[in-house]
Amino acid sequence: MSLRNLYILIFSLFVYLTNAQGFTIIEKTYQPDCSFNSVKITVTGNTPPYTYIWGNGMTGDSISNLKGGVYAVHITDSLGKDTTLSFIIPAPACQVVIENHFTPNGDGYNDTWSISYIERYPNFLLQVFDRWGQIVHTQRHEYFPWDGTQLGLKLPDATYYYIFVYDQGHSSQFEKGSVTIIR
């Protein structure tokens, strides 16, 4: 199961919190894309309407554009009865998106190899191999788009093979595949 699918499986579940000052609260966390989370609160019990004040100053029964962290919402019914709900949202876990070809021909379009969401993995390791298994490119910790060169020399048009390790300390989570250089 991929990281993204595991994340969606875990954080698409409902969390029921009952008997909080007479409120029944249902919290649902969404991850609409790899960048942000959203949270929606549904309240029943006591006397509606309810007011919601989030720890970041937002109001309403839902908030979005959330990164990982601790969040709290203060809920009050129309008679002044209130409760506060706190929860932890982990940072969105997204797989890197690795292009399968690039064209380093100097035309300003697709001249480097693109890897999306790599900035989320500061302890990554990327290695690129030729068809004989020789390493032709390596990157660690800091991503810079690869231009298809080795030691300043242009590599020939060919298919190369890569392994991307999300965290060098935990090499069990990785991506592997091929990338083709077309000049």
C-alpha atoms as a PDB file:
ATOM      1  CA  MET A   1       0.000   0.000   0.000  1.00  0.00           C
ATOM      2  CA  SER A   2       1.406   3.405  -0.923  1.00  0.00           C
ATOM      3  CA  LEU A   3       2.019   6.168   1.636  1.00  0.00           C
ATOM      4  CA  ARG A   4      -0.768   8.267   0.133  1.00  0.00           C
ATOM      5  CA  ASN A   5      -3.312   5.427   0.230  1.00  0.00           C
ATOM      6  CA  LEU A   6      -2.358   4.573   3.812  1.00  0.00           C
ATOM      7  CA  TYR A   7      -2.748   8.223   4.795  1.00  0.00           C
ATOM      8  CA  ILE A   8      -6.164   8.494   3.143  1.00  0.00           C
ATOM      9  CA  LEU A   9      -7.270   5.238   4.796  1.00  0.00           C
ATOM     10  CA  ILE A  10      -6.271   6.446   8.266  1.00  0.00           C
ATOM     11  CA  PHE A  11      -7.513  10.022   8.045  1.00  0.00           C
ATOM     12  CA  SER A  12     -10.781   9.422   6.207  1.00  0.00           C
ATOM     13  CA  LEU A  13     -12.135   7.655   9.286  1.00  0.00           C
ATOM     14  CA  PHE A  14     -14.726   9.313  11.515  1.00  0.00           C
ATOM     15  CA  VAL A  15     -13.763  10.058  15.098  1.00  0.00           C
ATOM     16  CA  TYR A  16     -16.785  10.117  17.405  1.00  0.00           C
ATOM     17  CA  LEU A  17     -16.476  12.085  20.624  1.00  0.00           C
ATOM     18  CA  THR A  18     -19.545  11.798  22.833  1.00  0.00           C
ATOM     19  CA  ASN A  19     -20.648  13.103  26.197  1.00  0.00           C
ATOM     20  CA  ALA A  20     -18.571  16.291  26.039  1.00  0.00           C
ATOM     21  CA  GLN A  21     -20.763  18.675  28.083  1.00  0.00           C
ATOM     22  CA  GLY A  22     -23.847  17.165  26.412  1.00  0.00           C
ATOM     23  CA  PHE A  23     -22.472  17.632  22.890  1.00  0.00           C
ATOM     24  CA  THR A  24     -21.999  14.814  20.421  1.00  0.00           C
ATOM     25  CA  ILE A  25     -19.160  15.783  18.114  1.00  0.00           C
ATOM     26  CA  ILE A  26     -18.106  14.116  14.892  1.00  0.00           C
ATOM     27  CA  GLU A  27     -14.779  15.243  13.460  1.00  0.00           C
ATOM     28  CA  LYS A  28     -13.693  14.299   9.951  1.00  0.00           C
ATOM     29  CA  THR A  29     -10.298  15.103   8.469  1.00  0.00           C
ATOM     30  CA  TYR A  30      -9.856  15.314   4.700  1.00  0.00           C
ATOM     31  CA  GLN A  31      -6.774  15.462   2.563  1.00  0.00           C
ATOM     32  CA  PRO A  32      -7.950  16.957  -0.747  1.00  0.00           C
ATOM     33  CA  ASP A  33      -4.429  16.977  -2.187  1.00  0.00           C
ATOM     34  CA  CYS A  34      -0.880  16.434  -1.020  1.00  0.00           C
ATOM     35  CA  SER A  35      -0.520  19.935   0.312  1.00  0.00           C
ATOM     36  CA  PHE A  36      -3.222  20.601   2.849  1.00  0.00           C
ATOM     37  CA  ASN A  37      -5.774  19.048   5.168  1.00  0.00           C
ATOM     38  CA  SER A  38      -9.304  20.167   5.960  1.00  0.00           C
ATOM     39  CA  VAL A  39     -11.382  19.438   9.066  1.00  0.00           C
ATOM     40  CA  LYS A  40     -15.174  19.480   9.388  1.00  0.00           C
ATOM     41  CA  ILE A  41     -16.947  19.325  12.746  1.00  0.00           C
ATOM     42  CA  THR A  42     -20.561  18.152  13.083  1.00  0.00           C
ATOM     43  CA  VAL A  43     -22.254  18.824  16.430  1.00  0.00           C
ATOM     44  CA  THR A  44     -25.552  17.572  17.854  1.00  0.00           C
ATOM     45  CA  GLY A  45     -27.024  17.796  21.335  1.00  0.00           C
ATOM     46  CA  ASN A  46     -27.648  20.725  23.646  1.00  0.00           C
ATOM     47  CA  THR A  47     -29.290  23.759  22.012  1.00  0.00           C
ATOM     48  CA  PRO A  48     -28.383  24.816  18.465  1.00  0.00           C
ATOM     49  CA  PRO A  49     -27.243  26.957  16.765  1.00  0.00           C
ATOM     50  CA  TYR A  50     -23.605  26.430  17.641  1.00  0.00           C
ATOM     51  CA  THR A  51     -20.653  28.765  17.300  1.00  0.00           C
ATOM     52  CA  TYR A  52     -17.188  27.527  16.460  1.00  0.00           C
ATOM     53  CA  ILE A  53     -13.977  29.389  17.202  1.00  0.00           C
ATOM     54  CA  TRP A  54     -10.765  27.684  16.091  1.00  0.00           C
ATOM     55  CA  GLY A  55      -7.443  28.151  17.824  1.00  0.00           C
ATOM     56  CA  ASN A  56      -6.143  30.064  14.799  1.00  0.00           C
ATOM     57  CA  GLY A  57      -9.030  32.586  15.023  1.00  0.00           C
ATOM     58  CA  MET A  58     -11.121  31.121  12.209  1.00  0.00           C
ATOM     59  CA  THR A  59     -14.857  30.593  12.728  1.00  0.00           C
ATOM     60  CA  GLY A  60     -17.329  28.089  11.320  1.00  0.00           C
ATOM     61  CA  ASP A  61     -17.723  24.331  11.394  1.00  0.00           C
ATOM     62  CA  SER A  62     -14.790  23.636   9.065  1.00  0.00           C
ATOM     63  CA  ILE A  63     -11.312  24.921   8.298  1.00  0.00           C
ATOM     64  CA  SER A  64      -8.915  24.113   5.498  1.00  0.00           C
ATOM     65  CA  ASN A  65      -5.376  24.726   4.246  1.00  0.00           C
ATOM     66  CA  LEU A  66      -3.975  23.070   7.344  1.00  0.00           C
ATOM     67  CA  LYS A  67      -0.482  21.746   7.653  1.00  0.00           C
ATOM     68  CA  GLY A  68       0.373  19.192  10.305  1.00  0.00           C
ATOM     69  CA  GLY A  69       0.032  20.258  13.923  1.00  0.00           C
ATOM     70  CA  VAL A  70      -2.229  20.532  16.951  1.00  0.00           C
ATOM     71  CA  TYR A  71      -5.602  22.196  16.382  1.00  0.00           C
ATOM     72  CA  ALA A  72      -8.393  23.156  18.760  1.00  0.00           C
ATOM     73  CA  VAL A  73     -11.965  24.343  18.316  1.00  0.00           C
ATOM     74  CA  HIS A  74     -14.139  25.919  21.006  1.00  0.00           C
ATOM     75  CA  ILE A  75     -17.830  25.061  20.509  1.00  0.00           C
ATOM     76  CA  THR A  76     -20.643  26.962  22.232  1.00  0.00           C
ATOM     77  CA  ASP A  77     -24.395  26.344  21.981  1.00  0.00           C
ATOM     78  CA  SER A  78     -27.061  29.075  22.025  1.00  0.00           C
ATOM     79  CA  LEU A  79     -27.440  28.830  25.830  1.00  0.00           C
ATOM     80  CA  GLY A  80     -23.729  29.329  26.469  1.00  0.00           C
ATOM     81  CA  LYS A  81     -22.829  25.705  27.213  1.00  0.00           C
ATOM     82  CA  ASP A  82     -19.398  25.045  25.719  1.00  0.00           C
ATOM     83  CA  THR A  83     -16.604  22.557  25.182  1.00  0.00           C
ATOM     84  CA  THR A  84     -13.214  22.533  23.511  1.00  0.00           C
ATOM     85  CA  LEU A  85     -11.996  19.809  21.179  1.00  0.00           C
ATOM     86  CA  SER A  86      -8.280  19.381  20.481  1.00  0.00           C
ATOM     87  CA  PHE A  87      -6.710  17.001  17.979  1.00  0.00           C
ATOM     88  CA  ILE A  88      -3.489  16.362  16.111  1.00  0.00           C
ATOM     89  CA  ILE A  89      -3.281  16.409  12.332  1.00  0.00           C
ATOM     90  CA  PRO A  90      -0.098  14.876  10.926  1.00  0.00           C
ATOM     91  CA  ALA A  91       1.605  16.582   8.033  1.00  0.00           C
ATOM     92  CA  PRO A  92       0.209  15.310   4.732  1.00  0.00           C
ATOM     93  CA  ALA A  93       2.174  12.275   3.601  1.00  0.00           C
ATOM     94  CA  CYS A  94       2.507  12.367  -0.158  1.00  0.00           C
ATOM     95  CA  GLN A  95       4.530  10.258  -2.452  1.00  0.00           C
ATOM     96  CA  VAL A  96       6.978  12.026  -4.687  1.00  0.00           C
ATOM     97  CA  VAL A  97       5.902  12.324  -8.308  1.00  0.00           C
ATOM     98  CA  ILE A  98       8.805  11.441 -10.572  1.00  0.00           C
ATOM     99  CA  GLU A  99       8.722  12.223 -14.273  1.00  0.00           C
ATOM    100  CA  ASN A 100       9.689   9.360 -16.575  1.00  0.00           C
ATOM    101  CA  HIS A 101      11.511  11.442 -19.205  1.00  0.00           C
ATOM    102  CA  PHE A 102      13.012  14.849 -19.876  1.00  0.00           C
ATOM    103  CA  THR A 103      14.568  16.629 -22.846  1.00  0.00           C
ATOM    104  CA  PRO A 104      17.741  18.526 -21.883  1.00  0.00           C
ATOM    105  CA  ASN A 105      18.180  20.133 -25.324  1.00  0.00           C
ATOM    106  CA  GLY A 106      18.379  23.775 -24.205  1.00  0.00           C
ATOM    107  CA  ASP A 107      14.985  24.864 -25.562  1.00  0.00           C
ATOM    108  CA  GLY A 108      13.819  25.982 -22.108  1.00  0.00           C
ATOM    109  CA  TYR A 109      11.080  23.362 -21.955  1.00  0.00           C
ATOM    110  CA  ASN A 110      11.443  20.168 -19.884  1.00  0.00           C
ATOM    111  CA  ASP A 111      15.246  20.618 -19.781  1.00  0.00           C
ATOM    112  CA  THR A 112      15.601  19.114 -16.297  1.00  0.00           C
ATOM    113  CA  TRP A 113      14.237  16.067 -14.530  1.00  0.00           C
ATOM    114  CA  SER A 114      11.243  17.014 -12.394  1.00  0.00           C
ATOM    115  CA  ILE A 115      10.406  15.455  -9.034  1.00  0.00           C
ATOM    116  CA  SER A 116       7.389  16.904  -7.207  1.00  0.00           C
ATOM    117  CA  TYR A 117       6.918  16.965  -3.410  1.00  0.00           C
ATOM    118  CA  ILE A 118      10.577  16.101  -2.826  1.00  0.00           C
ATOM    119  CA  GLU A 119      10.930  19.085  -0.464  1.00  0.00           C
ATOM    120  CA  ARG A 120       8.776  17.163   2.044  1.00  0.00           C
ATOM    121  CA  TYR A 121      11.583  14.642   2.514  1.00  0.00           C
ATOM    122  CA  PRO A 122      14.711  16.481   3.720  1.00  0.00           C
ATOM    123  CA  ASN A 123      16.561  13.240   4.444  1.00  0.00           C
ATOM    124  CA  PHE A 124      16.043  11.714   0.979  1.00  0.00           C
ATOM    125  CA  LEU A 125      18.547   9.824  -1.152  1.00  0.00           C
ATOM    126  CA  LEU A 126      18.268   9.746  -4.947  1.00  0.00           C
ATOM    127  CA  GLN A 127      20.522   7.619  -7.120  1.00  0.00           C
ATOM    128  CA  VAL A 128      20.424   7.233 -10.915  1.00  0.00           C
ATOM    129  CA  PHE A 129      22.100   4.297 -12.670  1.00  0.00           C
ATOM    130  CA  ASP A 130      22.967   3.546 -16.287  1.00  0.00           C
ATOM    131  CA  ARG A 131      22.038   0.231 -17.921  1.00  0.00           C
ATOM    132  CA  TRP A 132      25.234  -1.368 -16.578  1.00  0.00           C
ATOM    133  CA  GLY A 133      24.405  -0.425 -12.985  1.00  0.00           C
ATOM    134  CA  GLN A 134      26.941   2.378 -12.676  1.00  0.00           C
ATOM    135  CA  ILE A 135      25.832   5.412 -10.649  1.00  0.00           C
ATOM    136  CA  VAL A 136      25.616   8.444 -12.931  1.00  0.00           C
ATOM    137  CA  HIS A 137      23.880  10.861 -10.533  1.00  0.00           C
ATOM    138  CA  THR A 138      23.339  11.127  -6.752  1.00  0.00           C
ATOM    139  CA  GLN A 139      21.536  13.645  -4.560  1.00  0.00           C
ATOM    140  CA  ARG A 140      21.026  13.794  -0.806  1.00  0.00           C
ATOM    141  CA  HIS A 141      19.064  16.160   1.449  1.00  0.00           C
ATOM    142  CA  GLU A 142      18.895  19.111  -0.978  1.00  0.00           C
ATOM    143  CA  TYR A 143      17.105  18.743  -4.300  1.00  0.00           C
ATOM    144  CA  PHE A 144      18.248  20.453  -7.449  1.00  0.00           C
ATOM    145  CA  PRO A 145      16.796  19.580 -10.849  1.00  0.00           C
ATOM    146  CA  TRP A 146      19.082  17.213 -12.730  1.00  0.00           C
ATOM    147  CA  ASP A 147      20.109  18.286 -16.247  1.00  0.00           C
ATOM    148  CA  GLY A 148      21.251  14.882 -17.546  1.00  0.00           C
ATOM    149  CA  THR A 149      24.968  15.412 -17.017  1.00  0.00           C
ATOM    150  CA  GLN A 150      27.664  13.511 -15.167  1.00  0.00           C
ATOM    151  CA  LEU A 151      30.768  15.410 -14.061  1.00  0.00           C
ATOM    152  CA  GLY A 152      29.730  18.236 -16.407  1.00  0.00           C
ATOM    153  CA  LEU A 153      29.432  15.985 -19.477  1.00  0.00           C
ATOM    154  CA  LYS A 154      26.139  15.316 -21.247  1.00  0.00           C
ATOM    155  CA  LEU A 155      24.961  11.748 -20.838  1.00  0.00           C
ATOM    156  CA  PRO A 156      23.740  10.060 -24.031  1.00  0.00           C
ATOM    157  CA  ASP A 157      20.078   9.578 -24.902  1.00  0.00           C
ATOM    158  CA  ALA A 158      19.077   6.433 -23.054  1.00  0.00           C
ATOM    159  CA  THR A 159      16.900   5.023 -20.327  1.00  0.00           C
ATOM    160  CA  TYR A 160      18.379   5.296 -16.833  1.00  0.00           C
ATOM    161  CA  TYR A 161      17.158   3.692 -13.626  1.00  0.00           C
ATOM    162  CA  TYR A 162      16.621   5.396 -10.293  1.00  0.00           C
ATOM    163  CA  ILE A 163      15.910   4.629  -6.696  1.00  0.00           C
ATOM    164  CA  PHE A 164      14.461   7.319  -4.442  1.00  0.00           C
ATOM    165  CA  VAL A 165      14.640   6.595  -0.696  1.00  0.00           C
ATOM    166  CA  TYR A 166      12.307   8.839   1.314  1.00  0.00           C
ATOM    167  CA  ASP A 167      14.474   8.741   4.432  1.00  0.00           C
ATOM    168  CA  GLN A 168      18.031   7.420   4.356  1.00  0.00           C
ATOM    169  CA  GLY A 169      17.615   6.165   7.927  1.00  0.00           C
ATOM    170  CA  HIS A 170      14.595   4.040   6.948  1.00  0.00           C
ATOM    171  CA  SER A 171      15.323   2.572   3.538  1.00  0.00           C
ATOM    172  CA  SER A 172      12.171   0.435   3.499  1.00  0.00           C
ATOM    173  CA  GLN A 173      10.136   3.279   1.928  1.00  0.00           C
ATOM    174  CA  PHE A 174      11.337   3.991  -1.578  1.00  0.00           C
ATOM    175  CA  GLU A 175      10.357   4.470  -5.203  1.00  0.00           C
ATOM    176  CA  LYS A 176      12.154   2.956  -8.147  1.00  0.00           C
ATOM    177  CA  GLY A 177      11.704   3.242 -11.858  1.00  0.00           C
ATOM    178  CA  SER A 178      13.209   4.552 -15.032  1.00  0.00           C
ATOM    179  CA  VAL A 179      13.788   7.939 -16.611  1.00  0.00           C
ATOM    180  CA  THR A 180      14.609   8.502 -20.270  1.00  0.00           C
ATOM    181  CA  ILE A 181      16.833  11.283 -21.557  1.00  0.00           C
ATOM    182  CA  ILE A 182      15.724  12.516 -24.996  1.00  0.00           C
ATOM    183  CA  ARG A 183      17.885  15.277 -26.463  1.00  0.00           C
END
